[in-house]
Amino acid sequence: MANSSDGDMKEVFEYLANIKKAVPSNNIYIKTTNSIQRQEVIPILWAKVAACLLISFIASEIYLSSKIYNSHKIDISVLISRTNNNLYNE
């Protein structure tokens, strides 16, 4: 059993020993920096506008949902009848 695992390990090490290193070109740094500089950047103004719209949308949803919840609360109180606590009829 030990022989088969030794043979497998030898195959793996032989395979790894035959792998050739990649040689990058000399101008890879220049190509990378140029591609980064060519990317379009979203202006800060647009990011601020999007954040304000998102915050206002969330605030309006919270306000409207709380207003609807309060109106349902009043409607439920109308449905509950008052109880008569008189124990004895004189």
Protein backbone atom coordinates (compact mmCIF):
# COMPACT_ATOMS: atom_id res chain seq x y z
CA MET A 1 0.00 0.00 0.00
CA ALA A 2 2.86 2.37 0.78
CA ASN A 3 4.38 1.63 -2.65
CA SER A 4 1.32 2.85 -4.54
CA SER A 5 1.19 6.15 -2.66
CA ASP A 6 4.95 6.62 -3.17
CA GLY A 7 4.49 6.04 -6.90
CA ASP A 8 1.62 8.54 -7.02
CA MET A 9 3.69 11.14 -5.20
CA LYS A 10 6.62 10.61 -7.58
CA GLU A 11 4.31 11.18 -10.56
CA VAL A 12 2.98 14.38 -9.02
CA PHE A 13 6.45 15.71 -8.27
CA GLU A 14 7.69 14.85 -11.78
CA TYR A 15 4.70 16.65 -13.25
CA LEU A 16 5.33 19.69 -11.06
CA ALA A 17 9.02 19.72 -11.94
CA ASN A 18 8.19 19.95 -15.67
CA ILE A 19 6.02 23.07 -15.31
CA LYS A 20 7.65 26.08 -16.97
CA LYS A 21 7.51 29.50 -15.36
CA ALA A 22 5.56 32.20 -17.16
CA VAL A 23 7.63 35.11 -18.35
CA PRO A 24 5.63 38.35 -18.48
CA SER A 25 6.41 40.97 -21.08
CA ASN A 26 8.43 44.02 -20.12
CA ASN A 27 5.60 46.50 -20.62
CA ILE A 28 2.90 44.71 -18.58
CA TYR A 29 2.99 47.43 -15.89
CA ILE A 30 2.43 50.15 -18.49
CA LYS A 31 -0.47 48.22 -20.06
CA THR A 32 -2.08 47.73 -16.66
CA THR A 33 -1.83 51.39 -15.64
CA ASN A 34 -3.16 52.51 -19.04
CA SER A 35 -6.19 50.24 -18.77
CA ILE A 36 -6.89 51.57 -15.26
CA GLN A 37 -6.67 55.17 -16.47
CA ARG A 38 -9.04 54.50 -19.37
CA GLN A 39 -11.83 53.28 -17.08
CA GLU A 40 -14.74 55.65 -16.66
CA VAL A 41 -15.29 56.94 -13.14
CA ILE A 42 -18.71 57.90 -11.83
CA PRO A 43 -18.66 61.54 -10.69
CA ILE A 44 -19.20 62.16 -6.97
CA LEU A 45 -22.22 64.34 -7.76
CA TRP A 46 -24.09 61.40 -9.29
CA ALA A 47 -23.23 59.21 -6.32
CA LYS A 48 -24.58 61.87 -3.94
CA VAL A 49 -27.77 62.22 -5.99
CA ALA A 50 -28.30 58.46 -5.96
CA ALA A 51 -27.72 58.32 -2.18
CA CYS A 52 -30.20 61.17 -1.58
CA LEU A 53 -32.84 59.49 -3.73
CA LEU A 54 -32.37 56.20 -1.94
CA ILE A 55 -32.61 57.81 1.50
CA SER A 56 -35.72 59.80 0.52
CA PHE A 57 -37.37 56.67 -0.89
CA ILE A 58 -36.70 54.72 2.30
CA ALA A 59 -37.91 57.61 4.48
CA SER A 60 -41.15 57.96 2.50
CA GLU A 61 -41.78 54.21 2.73
CA ILE A 62 -41.32 54.29 6.51
CA TYR A 63 -43.58 57.33 6.84
CA LEU A 64 -46.34 55.90 4.68
CA SER A 65 -46.24 52.48 6.30
CA SER A 66 -46.45 54.00 9.79
CA LYS A 67 -49.36 56.19 8.69
CA ILE A 68 -51.21 53.18 7.27
CA TYR A 69 -50.51 51.19 10.44
CA ASN A 70 -51.95 53.99 12.62
CA SER A 71 -55.11 54.22 10.50
CA HIS A 72 -55.65 50.45 10.84
CA LYS A 73 -55.15 50.74 14.59
CA ILE A 74 -57.97 53.30 14.83
CA ASP A 75 -60.28 51.15 12.69
CA ILE A 76 -59.72 48.12 14.93
CA SER A 77 -60.56 50.11 18.07
CA VAL A 78 -63.95 51.03 16.58
CA LEU A 79 -64.79 47.35 16.12
CA ILE A 80 -64.19 46.46 19.76
CA SER A 81 -67.36 46.96 21.76
CA ARG A 82 -67.35 48.37 25.24
CA THR A 83 -67.96 45.89 27.98
CA ASN A 84 -70.50 46.43 30.70
CA ASN A 85 -68.92 46.02 34.10
CA ASN A 86 -72.16 46.15 36.05
CA LEU A 87 -72.35 42.97 38.07
CA TYR A 88 -75.81 43.45 39.58
CA ASN A 89 -78.90 44.92 38.10
CA GLU A 90 -80.80 46.94 40.72
